[in-house]
Amino acid sequence: ERPAFIKLHYPKMYLCPEHFTEYFERKVKRT
């Protein structure tokens, strides 16, 4: 329910700082 920090264009979604950090680190791990 927190305000969005960033809008990702690909994949398209809005994320707060915490969930964006999780997304980013998960993507590095997957790479």
PDB file of all heavy atoms in Angstrom:
ATOM      1  N   GLU A   1       0.811  -1.217   0.000  1.00  0.00           N
ATOM      2  CA  GLU A   1       0.000   0.000   0.000  1.00  0.00           C
ATOM      3  C   GLU A   1       0.849   1.273   0.000  1.00  0.00           C
ATOM      4  O   GLU A   1       0.304   2.373  -0.019  1.00  0.00           O
ATOM      5  CB  GLU A   1      -0.922   0.004   1.240  1.00  0.00           C
ATOM      6  CG  GLU A   1      -1.982  -1.086   1.225  1.00  0.00           C
ATOM      7  CD  GLU A   1      -2.942  -0.924   0.047  1.00  0.00           C
ATOM      8  OE1 GLU A   1      -3.502   0.179  -0.115  1.00  0.00           O
ATOM      9  OE2 GLU A   1      -3.101  -1.880  -0.726  1.00  0.00           O
ATOM     10  N   ARG A   2       2.173   1.136   0.013  1.00  0.00           N
ATOM     11  CA  ARG A   2       3.028   2.324   0.058  1.00  0.00           C
ATOM     12  C   ARG A   2       3.067   3.038  -1.285  1.00  0.00           C
ATOM     13  O   ARG A   2       2.873   2.414  -2.335  1.00  0.00           O
ATOM     14  CB  ARG A   2       4.442   1.937   0.482  1.00  0.00           C
ATOM     15  CG  ARG A   2       4.555   1.652   1.975  1.00  0.00           C
ATOM     16  CD  ARG A   2       5.902   1.067   2.328  1.00  0.00           C
ATOM     17  NE  ARG A   2       6.033  -0.303   1.846  1.00  0.00           N
ATOM     18  CZ  ARG A   2       6.969  -1.146   2.248  1.00  0.00           C
ATOM     19  NH1 ARG A   2       7.880  -0.754   3.113  1.00  0.00           N
ATOM     20  NH2 ARG A   2       7.018  -2.373   1.777  1.00  0.00           N
ATOM     21  N   PRO A   3       3.341   4.370  -1.274  1.00  0.00           N
ATOM     22  CA  PRO A   3       3.429   5.126  -2.531  1.00  0.00           C
ATOM     23  C   PRO A   3       4.538   4.569  -3.420  1.00  0.00           C
ATOM     24  O   PRO A   3       5.572   4.119  -2.938  1.00  0.00           O
ATOM     25  CB  PRO A   3       3.762   6.556  -2.070  1.00  0.00           C
ATOM     26  CG  PRO A   3       3.326   6.622  -0.650  1.00  0.00           C
ATOM     27  CD  PRO A   3       3.523   5.238  -0.103  1.00  0.00           C
ATOM     28  N   ALA A   4       4.307   4.613  -4.722  1.00  0.00           N
ATOM     29  CA  ALA A   4       5.293   4.109  -5.683  1.00  0.00           C
ATOM     30  C   ALA A   4       6.518   5.013  -5.704  1.00  0.00           C
ATOM     31  O   ALA A   4       6.411   6.244  -5.609  1.00  0.00           O
ATOM     32  CB  ALA A   4       4.685   4.019  -7.061  1.00  0.00           C
ATOM     33  N   PHE A   5       7.673   4.420  -5.826  1.00  0.00           N
ATOM     34  CA  PHE A   5       8.955   5.125  -5.923  1.00  0.00           C
ATOM     35  C   PHE A   5       9.402   5.216  -7.374  1.00  0.00           C
ATOM     36  O   PHE A   5      10.001   6.197  -7.811  1.00  0.00           O
ATOM     37  CB  PHE A   5       9.990   4.362  -5.085  1.00  0.00           C
ATOM     38  CG  PHE A   5      11.416   4.704  -5.361  1.00  0.00           C
ATOM     39  CD1 PHE A   5      11.944   5.928  -4.975  1.00  0.00           C
ATOM     40  CD2 PHE A   5      12.252   3.802  -6.013  1.00  0.00           C
ATOM     41  CE1 PHE A   5      13.279   6.252  -5.223  1.00  0.00           C
ATOM     42  CE2 PHE A   5      13.577   4.100  -6.262  1.00  0.00           C
ATOM     43  CZ  PHE A   5      14.092   5.337  -5.874  1.00  0.00           C
ATOM     44  N   ILE A   6       9.083   4.184  -8.162  1.00  0.00           N
ATOM     45  CA  ILE A   6       9.510   4.137  -9.554  1.00  0.00           C
ATOM     46  C   ILE A   6       8.470   3.417 -10.400  1.00  0.00           C
ATOM     47  O   ILE A   6       7.805   2.494  -9.930  1.00  0.00           O
ATOM     48  CB  ILE A   6      10.880   3.422  -9.693  1.00  0.00           C
ATOM     49  CG1 ILE A   6      11.394   3.483 -11.139  1.00  0.00           C
ATOM     50  CG2 ILE A   6      10.799   1.974  -9.196  1.00  0.00           C
ATOM     51  CD1 ILE A   6      12.808   2.948 -11.309  1.00  0.00           C
ATOM     52  N   LYS A   7       8.344   3.870 -11.636  1.00  0.00           N
ATOM     53  CA  LYS A   7       7.518   3.158 -12.618  1.00  0.00           C
ATOM     54  C   LYS A   7       8.462   2.448 -13.578  1.00  0.00           C
ATOM     55  O   LYS A   7       9.252   3.082 -14.277  1.00  0.00           O
ATOM     56  CB  LYS A   7       6.640   4.135 -13.400  1.00  0.00           C
ATOM     57  CG  LYS A   7       5.828   3.445 -14.495  1.00  0.00           C
ATOM     58  CD  LYS A   7       5.079   4.453 -15.361  1.00  0.00           C
ATOM     59  CE  LYS A   7       4.333   3.743 -16.489  1.00  0.00           C
ATOM     60  NZ  LYS A   7       3.639   4.700 -17.382  1.00  0.00           N
ATOM     61  N   LEU A   8       8.406   1.128 -13.582  1.00  0.00           N
ATOM     62  CA  LEU A   8       9.194   0.356 -14.534  1.00  0.00           C
ATOM     63  C   LEU A   8       8.398   0.248 -15.832  1.00  0.00           C
ATOM     64  O   LEU A   8       7.196   0.008 -15.811  1.00  0.00           O
ATOM     65  CB  LEU A   8       9.488  -1.042 -13.988  1.00  0.00           C
ATOM     66  CG  LEU A   8      10.349  -1.115 -12.714  1.00  0.00           C
ATOM     67  CD1 LEU A   8      10.531  -2.563 -12.292  1.00  0.00           C
ATOM     68  CD2 LEU A   8      11.696  -0.454 -12.931  1.00  0.00           C
ATOM     69  N   HIS A   9       9.088   0.442 -16.939  1.00  0.00           N
ATOM     70  CA  HIS A   9       8.419   0.388 -18.236  1.00  0.00           C
ATOM     71  C   HIS A   9       8.451  -1.010 -18.840  1.00  0.00           C
ATOM     72  O   HIS A   9       7.611  -1.345 -19.674  1.00  0.00           O
ATOM     73  CB  HIS A   9       9.079   1.390 -19.191  1.00  0.00           C
ATOM     74  CG  HIS A   9       9.006   2.800 -18.701  1.00  0.00           C
ATOM     75  ND1 HIS A   9       7.817   3.497 -18.625  1.00  0.00           N
ATOM     76  CD2 HIS A   9       9.976   3.639 -18.233  1.00  0.00           C
ATOM     77  CE1 HIS A   9       8.049   4.716 -18.146  1.00  0.00           C
ATOM     78  NE2 HIS A   9       9.345   4.813 -17.896  1.00  0.00           N
ATOM     79  N   TYR A  10       9.465  -1.816 -18.406  1.00  0.00           N
ATOM     80  CA  TYR A  10       9.562  -3.176 -18.937  1.00  0.00           C
ATOM     81  C   TYR A  10      10.247  -4.058 -17.900  1.00  0.00           C
ATOM     82  O   TYR A  10      11.458  -3.940 -17.713  1.00  0.00           O
ATOM     83  CB  TYR A  10      10.357  -3.179 -20.247  1.00  0.00           C
ATOM     84  CG  TYR A  10      10.323  -4.506 -20.968  1.00  0.00           C
ATOM     85  CD1 TYR A  10       9.287  -4.816 -21.830  1.00  0.00           C
ATOM     86  CD2 TYR A  10      11.342  -5.438 -20.788  1.00  0.00           C
ATOM     87  CE1 TYR A  10       9.262  -6.040 -22.498  1.00  0.00           C
ATOM     88  CE2 TYR A  10      11.322  -6.661 -21.450  1.00  0.00           C
ATOM     89  CZ  TYR A  10      10.288  -6.945 -22.300  1.00  0.00           C
ATOM     90  OH  TYR A  10      10.250  -8.151 -22.954  1.00  0.00           O
ATOM     91  N   PRO A  11       9.505  -4.883 -17.162  1.00  0.00           N
ATOM     92  CA  PRO A  11       8.055  -5.065 -17.196  1.00  0.00           C
ATOM     93  C   PRO A  11       7.337  -3.860 -16.592  1.00  0.00           C
ATOM     94  O   PRO A  11       7.894  -3.180 -15.742  1.00  0.00           O
ATOM     95  CB  PRO A  11       7.845  -6.319 -16.351  1.00  0.00           C
ATOM     96  CG  PRO A  11       8.986  -6.296 -15.382  1.00  0.00           C
ATOM     97  CD  PRO A  11      10.142  -5.734 -16.132  1.00  0.00           C
ATOM     98  N   LYS A  12       6.124  -3.622 -17.032  1.00  0.00           N
ATOM     99  CA  LYS A  12       5.395  -2.431 -16.617  1.00  0.00           C
ATOM    100  C   LYS A  12       4.801  -2.636 -15.230  1.00  0.00           C
ATOM    101  O   LYS A  12       3.907  -3.461 -15.028  1.00  0.00           O
ATOM    102  CB  LYS A  12       4.278  -2.137 -17.619  1.00  0.00           C
ATOM    103  CG  LYS A  12       3.599  -0.801 -17.377  1.00  0.00           C
ATOM    104  CD  LYS A  12       2.589  -0.497 -18.476  1.00  0.00           C
ATOM    105  CE  LYS A  12       1.909   0.842 -18.219  1.00  0.00           C
ATOM    106  NZ  LYS A  12       0.919   1.159 -19.281  1.00  0.00           N
ATOM    107  N   MET A  13       5.311  -1.869 -14.245  1.00  0.00           N
ATOM    108  CA  MET A  13       4.758  -1.925 -12.881  1.00  0.00           C
ATOM    109  C   MET A  13       5.339  -0.793 -12.041  1.00  0.00           C
ATOM    110  O   MET A  13       6.410  -0.249 -12.345  1.00  0.00           O
ATOM    111  CB  MET A  13       5.024  -3.277 -12.219  1.00  0.00           C
ATOM    112  CG  MET A  13       6.474  -3.655 -12.086  1.00  0.00           C
ATOM    113  SD  MET A  13       6.641  -5.293 -11.302  1.00  0.00           S
ATOM    114  CE  MET A  13       8.383  -5.622 -11.546  1.00  0.00           C
ATOM    115  N   TYR A  14       4.606  -0.446 -10.978  1.00  0.00           N
ATOM    116  CA  TYR A  14       5.044   0.566 -10.014  1.00  0.00           C
ATOM    117  C   TYR A  14       5.548  -0.136  -8.761  1.00  0.00           C
ATOM    118  O   TYR A  14       4.929  -1.109  -8.311  1.00  0.00           O
ATOM    119  CB  TYR A  14       3.882   1.490  -9.634  1.00  0.00           C
ATOM    120  CG  TYR A  14       3.386   2.374 -10.758  1.00  0.00           C
ATOM    121  CD1 TYR A  14       2.372   1.931 -11.618  1.00  0.00           C
ATOM    122  CD2 TYR A  14       3.914   3.641 -10.954  1.00  0.00           C
ATOM    123  CE1 TYR A  14       1.906   2.740 -12.645  1.00  0.00           C
ATOM    124  CE2 TYR A  14       3.459   4.462 -11.981  1.00  0.00           C
ATOM    125  CZ  TYR A  14       2.454   3.997 -12.819  1.00  0.00           C
ATOM    126  OH  TYR A  14       2.015   4.798 -13.840  1.00  0.00           O
ATOM    127  N   LEU A  15       6.673   0.354  -8.208  1.00  0.00           N
ATOM    128  CA  LEU A  15       7.243  -0.268  -7.011  1.00  0.00           C
ATOM    129  C   LEU A  15       7.677   0.784  -5.994  1.00  0.00           C
ATOM    130  O   LEU A  15       8.151   1.858  -6.369  1.00  0.00           O
ATOM    131  CB  LEU A  15       8.462  -1.132  -7.388  1.00  0.00           C
ATOM    132  CG  LEU A  15       8.213  -2.335  -8.306  1.00  0.00           C
ATOM    133  CD1 LEU A  15       9.540  -2.972  -8.693  1.00  0.00           C
ATOM    134  CD2 LEU A  15       7.299  -3.355  -7.646  1.00  0.00           C
ATOM    135  N   CYS A  16       7.531   0.449  -4.713  1.00  0.00           N
ATOM    136  CA  CYS A  16       8.055   1.279  -3.626  1.00  0.00           C
ATOM    137  C   CYS A  16       9.560   1.010  -3.507  1.00  0.00           C
ATOM    138  O   CYS A  16      10.076   0.076  -4.126  1.00  0.00           O
ATOM    139  CB  CYS A  16       7.347   0.942  -2.317  1.00  0.00           C
ATOM    140  SG  CYS A  16       7.703  -0.735  -1.716  1.00  0.00           S
ATOM    141  N   PRO A  17      10.298   1.797  -2.709  1.00  0.00           N
ATOM    142  CA  PRO A  17      11.751   1.580  -2.600  1.00  0.00           C
ATOM    143  C   PRO A  17      12.128   0.167  -2.156  1.00  0.00           C
ATOM    144  O   PRO A  17      13.069  -0.422  -2.696  1.00  0.00           O
ATOM    145  CB  PRO A  17      12.180   2.618  -1.553  1.00  0.00           C
ATOM    146  CG  PRO A  17      11.158   3.690  -1.648  1.00  0.00           C
ATOM    147  CD  PRO A  17       9.868   2.997  -1.970  1.00  0.00           C
ATOM    148  N   GLU A  18      11.413  -0.381  -1.183  1.00  0.00           N
ATOM    149  CA  GLU A  18      11.740  -1.706  -0.664  1.00  0.00           C
ATOM    150  C   GLU A  18      11.528  -2.793  -1.710  1.00  0.00           C
ATOM    151  O   GLU A  18      12.386  -3.665  -1.905  1.00  0.00           O
ATOM    152  CB  GLU A  18      10.896  -2.009   0.588  1.00  0.00           C
ATOM    153  CG  GLU A  18      11.243  -1.175   1.807  1.00  0.00           C
ATOM    154  CD  GLU A  18      10.710   0.252   1.754  1.00  0.00           C
ATOM    155  OE1 GLU A  18       9.862   0.550   0.871  1.00  0.00           O
ATOM    156  OE2 GLU A  18      11.146   1.080   2.577  1.00  0.00           O
ATOM    157  N   HIS A  19      10.371  -2.748  -2.393  1.00  0.00           N
ATOM    158  CA  HIS A  19      10.093  -3.790  -3.379  1.00  0.00           C
ATOM    159  C   HIS A  19      10.922  -3.604  -4.643  1.00  0.00           C
ATOM    160  O   HIS A  19      11.255  -4.585  -5.325  1.00  0.00           O
ATOM    161  CB  HIS A  19       8.596  -3.850  -3.702  1.00  0.00           C
ATOM    162  CG  HIS A  19       7.799  -4.535  -2.640  1.00  0.00           C
ATOM    163  ND1 HIS A  19       6.931  -3.887  -1.808  1.00  0.00           N
ATOM    164  CD2 HIS A  19       7.779  -5.844  -2.252  1.00  0.00           C
ATOM    165  CE1 HIS A  19       6.396  -4.748  -0.961  1.00  0.00           C
ATOM    166  NE2 HIS A  19       6.901  -5.939  -1.207  1.00  0.00           N
ATOM    167  N   PHE A  20      11.292  -2.356  -4.961  1.00  0.00           N
ATOM    168  CA  PHE A  20      12.200  -2.149  -6.087  1.00  0.00           C
ATOM    169  C   PHE A  20      13.587  -2.718  -5.771  1.00  0.00           C
ATOM    170  O   PHE A  20      14.214  -3.355  -6.633  1.00  0.00           O
ATOM    171  CB  PHE A  20      12.320  -0.658  -6.436  1.00  0.00           C
ATOM    172  CG  PHE A  20      13.392  -0.401  -7.461  1.00  0.00           C
ATOM    173  CD1 PHE A  20      13.234  -0.809  -8.782  1.00  0.00           C
ATOM    174  CD2 PHE A  20      14.587   0.201  -7.093  1.00  0.00           C
ATOM    175  CE1 PHE A  20      14.240  -0.606  -9.720  1.00  0.00           C
ATOM    176  CE2 PHE A  20      15.593   0.408  -8.024  1.00  0.00           C
ATOM    177  CZ  PHE A  20      15.425   0.009  -9.347  1.00  0.00           C
ATOM    178  N   THR A  21      14.058  -2.500  -4.536  1.00  0.00           N
ATOM    179  CA  THR A  21      15.358  -3.040  -4.129  1.00  0.00           C
ATOM    180  C   THR A  21      15.358  -4.565  -4.235  1.00  0.00           C
ATOM    181  O   THR A  21      16.318  -5.164  -4.732  1.00  0.00           O
ATOM    182  CB  THR A  21      15.699  -2.600  -2.691  1.00  0.00           C
ATOM    183  OG1 THR A  21      15.861  -1.179  -2.670  1.00  0.00           O
ATOM    184  CG2 THR A  21      16.979  -3.255  -2.192  1.00  0.00           C
ATOM    185  N   GLU A  22      14.272  -5.189  -3.776  1.00  0.00           N
ATOM    186  CA  GLU A  22      14.156  -6.653  -3.883  1.00  0.00           C
ATOM    187  C   GLU A  22      14.176  -7.094  -5.342  1.00  0.00           C
ATOM    188  O   GLU A  22      14.853  -8.068  -5.703  1.00  0.00           O
ATOM    189  CB  GLU A  22      12.858  -7.128  -3.222  1.00  0.00           C
ATOM    190  CG  GLU A  22      12.871  -7.043  -1.704  1.00  0.00           C
ATOM    191  CD  GLU A  22      11.553  -7.511  -1.109  1.00  0.00           C
ATOM    192  OE1 GLU A  22      10.746  -8.114  -1.857  1.00  0.00           O
ATOM    193  OE2 GLU A  22      11.324  -7.261   0.088  1.00  0.00           O
ATOM    194  N   TYR A  23      13.424  -6.375  -6.180  1.00  0.00           N
ATOM    195  CA  TYR A  23      13.364  -6.690  -7.609  1.00  0.00           C
ATOM    196  C   TYR A  23      14.755  -6.589  -8.240  1.00  0.00           C
ATOM    197  O   TYR A  23      15.185  -7.480  -8.984  1.00  0.00           O
ATOM    198  CB  TYR A  23      12.396  -5.709  -8.288  1.00  0.00           C
ATOM    199  CG  TYR A  23      12.573  -5.582  -9.780  1.00  0.00           C
ATOM    200  CD1 TYR A  23      11.978  -6.480 -10.665  1.00  0.00           C
ATOM    201  CD2 TYR A  23      13.333  -4.534 -10.318  1.00  0.00           C
ATOM    202  CE1 TYR A  23      12.147  -6.347 -12.039  1.00  0.00           C
ATOM    203  CE2 TYR A  23      13.510  -4.400 -11.684  1.00  0.00           C
ATOM    204  CZ  TYR A  23      12.908  -5.306 -12.545  1.00  0.00           C
ATOM    205  OH  TYR A  23      13.083  -5.179 -13.906  1.00  0.00           O
ATOM    206  N   PHE A  24      15.473  -5.510  -7.940  1.00  0.00           N
ATOM    207  CA  PHE A  24      16.793  -5.261  -8.526  1.00  0.00           C
ATOM    208  C   PHE A  24      17.784  -6.348  -8.116  1.00  0.00           C
ATOM    209  O   PHE A  24      18.487  -6.917  -8.960  1.00  0.00           O
ATOM    210  CB  PHE A  24      17.283  -3.889  -8.055  1.00  0.00           C
ATOM    211  CG  PHE A  24      18.526  -3.402  -8.748  1.00  0.00           C
ATOM    212  CD1 PHE A  24      18.440  -2.499  -9.790  1.00  0.00           C
ATOM    213  CD2 PHE A  24      19.789  -3.824  -8.328  1.00  0.00           C
ATOM    214  CE1 PHE A  24      19.596  -2.036 -10.421  1.00  0.00           C
ATOM    215  CE2 PHE A  24      20.934  -3.374  -8.956  1.00  0.00           C
ATOM    216  CZ  PHE A  24      20.844  -2.473 -10.006  1.00  0.00           C
ATOM    217  N   GLU A  25      17.829  -6.648  -6.822  1.00  0.00           N
ATOM    218  CA  GLU A  25      18.785  -7.654  -6.324  1.00  0.00           C
ATOM    219  C   GLU A  25      18.457  -9.048  -6.838  1.00  0.00           C
ATOM    220  O   GLU A  25      19.364  -9.839  -7.133  1.00  0.00           O
ATOM    221  CB  GLU A  25      18.812  -7.610  -4.797  1.00  0.00           C
ATOM    222  CG  GLU A  25      19.420  -6.311  -4.274  1.00  0.00           C
ATOM    223  CD  GLU A  25      19.245  -6.116  -2.779  1.00  0.00           C
ATOM    224  OE1 GLU A  25      18.622  -6.996  -2.132  1.00  0.00           O
ATOM    225  OE2 GLU A  25      19.712  -5.093  -2.250  1.00  0.00           O
ATOM    226  N   ARG A  26      17.170  -9.340  -6.976  1.00  0.00           N
ATOM    227  CA  ARG A  26      16.757 -10.636  -7.521  1.00  0.00           C
ATOM    228  C   ARG A  26      17.177 -10.746  -8.990  1.00  0.00           C
ATOM    229  O   ARG A  26      17.604 -11.813  -9.447  1.00  0.00           O
ATOM    230  CB  ARG A  26      15.244 -10.794  -7.379  1.00  0.00           C
ATOM    231  CG  ARG A  26      14.724 -12.178  -7.740  1.00  0.00           C
ATOM    232  CD  ARG A  26      13.289 -12.371  -7.276  1.00  0.00           C
ATOM    233  NE  ARG A  26      12.376 -11.397  -7.854  1.00  0.00           N
ATOM    234  CZ  ARG A  26      11.771 -10.436  -7.156  1.00  0.00           C
ATOM    235  NH1 ARG A  26      11.979 -10.317  -5.854  1.00  0.00           N
ATOM    236  NH2 ARG A  26      10.950  -9.590  -7.738  1.00  0.00           N
ATOM    237  N   LYS A  27      17.120  -9.622  -9.694  1.00  0.00           N
ATOM    238  CA  LYS A  27      17.504  -9.624 -11.107  1.00  0.00           C
ATOM    239  C   LYS A  27      19.015  -9.818 -11.269  1.00  0.00           C
ATOM    240  O   LYS A  27      19.470 -10.522 -12.175  1.00  0.00           O
ATOM    241  CB  LYS A  27      17.063  -8.315 -11.762  1.00  0.00           C
ATOM    242  CG  LYS A  27      16.947  -8.401 -13.274  1.00  0.00           C
ATOM    243  CD  LYS A  27      16.183  -7.215 -13.820  1.00  0.00           C
ATOM    244  CE  LYS A  27      16.057  -7.307 -15.337  1.00  0.00           C
ATOM    245  NZ  LYS A  27      15.327  -6.153 -15.897  1.00  0.00           N
ATOM    246  N   VAL A  28      19.806  -9.206 -10.375  1.00  0.00           N
ATOM    247  CA  VAL A  28      21.256  -9.421 -10.407  1.00  0.00           C
ATOM    248  C   VAL A  28      21.563 -10.887 -10.120  1.00  0.00           C
ATOM    249  O   VAL A  28      22.378 -11.518 -10.809  1.00  0.00           O
ATOM    250  CB  VAL A  28      21.982  -8.519  -9.388  1.00  0.00           C
ATOM    251  CG1 VAL A  28      23.470  -8.873  -9.322  1.00  0.00           C
ATOM    252  CG2 VAL A  28      21.818  -7.053  -9.753  1.00  0.00           C
ATOM    253  N   LYS A  29      20.907 -11.442  -9.110  1.00  0.00           N
ATOM    254  CA  LYS A  29      21.119 -12.847  -8.743  1.00  0.00           C
ATOM    255  C   LYS A  29      20.773 -13.767  -9.910  1.00  0.00           C
ATOM    256  O   LYS A  29      21.504 -14.720 -10.211  1.00  0.00           O
ATOM    257  CB  LYS A  29      20.262 -13.195  -7.523  1.00  0.00           C
ATOM    258  CG  LYS A  29      20.493 -14.588  -6.949  1.00  0.00           C
ATOM    259  CD  LYS A  29      19.706 -14.752  -5.646  1.00  0.00           C
ATOM    260  CE  LYS A  29      19.975 -16.098  -4.992  1.00  0.00           C
ATOM    261  NZ  LYS A  29      19.375 -17.210  -5.744  1.00  0.00           N
ATOM    262  N   ARG A  30      19.673 -13.450 -10.595  1.00  0.00           N
ATOM    263  CA  ARG A  30      19.255 -14.271 -11.735  1.00  0.00           C
ATOM    264  C   ARG A  30      20.248 -14.152 -12.896  1.00  0.00           C
ATOM    265  O   ARG A  30      20.540 -15.138 -13.580  1.00  0.00           O
ATOM    266  CB  ARG A  30      17.860 -13.844 -12.196  1.00  0.00           C
ATOM    267  CG  ARG A  30      17.233 -14.810 -13.190  1.00  0.00           C
ATOM    268  CD  ARG A  30      15.780 -14.479 -13.429  1.00  0.00           C
ATOM    269  NE  ARG A  30      15.628 -13.189 -14.088  1.00  0.00           N
ATOM    270  CZ  ARG A  30      14.773 -12.247 -13.710  1.00  0.00           C
ATOM    271  NH1 ARG A  30      14.006 -12.433 -12.647  1.00  0.00           N
ATOM    272  NH2 ARG A  30      14.679 -11.111 -14.364  1.00  0.00           N
ATOM    273  N   THR A  31      20.803 -12.948 -13.099  1.00  0.00           N
ATOM    274  CA  THR A  31      21.803 -12.738 -14.154  1.00  0.00           C
ATOM    275  C   THR A  31      23.055 -13.559 -13.866  1.00  0.00           C
ATOM    276  O   THR A  31      23.612 -14.210 -14.757  1.00  0.00           O
ATOM    277  CB  THR A  31      22.167 -11.244 -14.259  1.00  0.00           C
ATOM    278  OG1 THR A  31      21.001 -10.494 -14.614  1.00  0.00           O
ATOM    279  CG2 THR A  31      23.244 -11.013 -15.310  1.00  0.00           C
TER     280      THR A  31
END
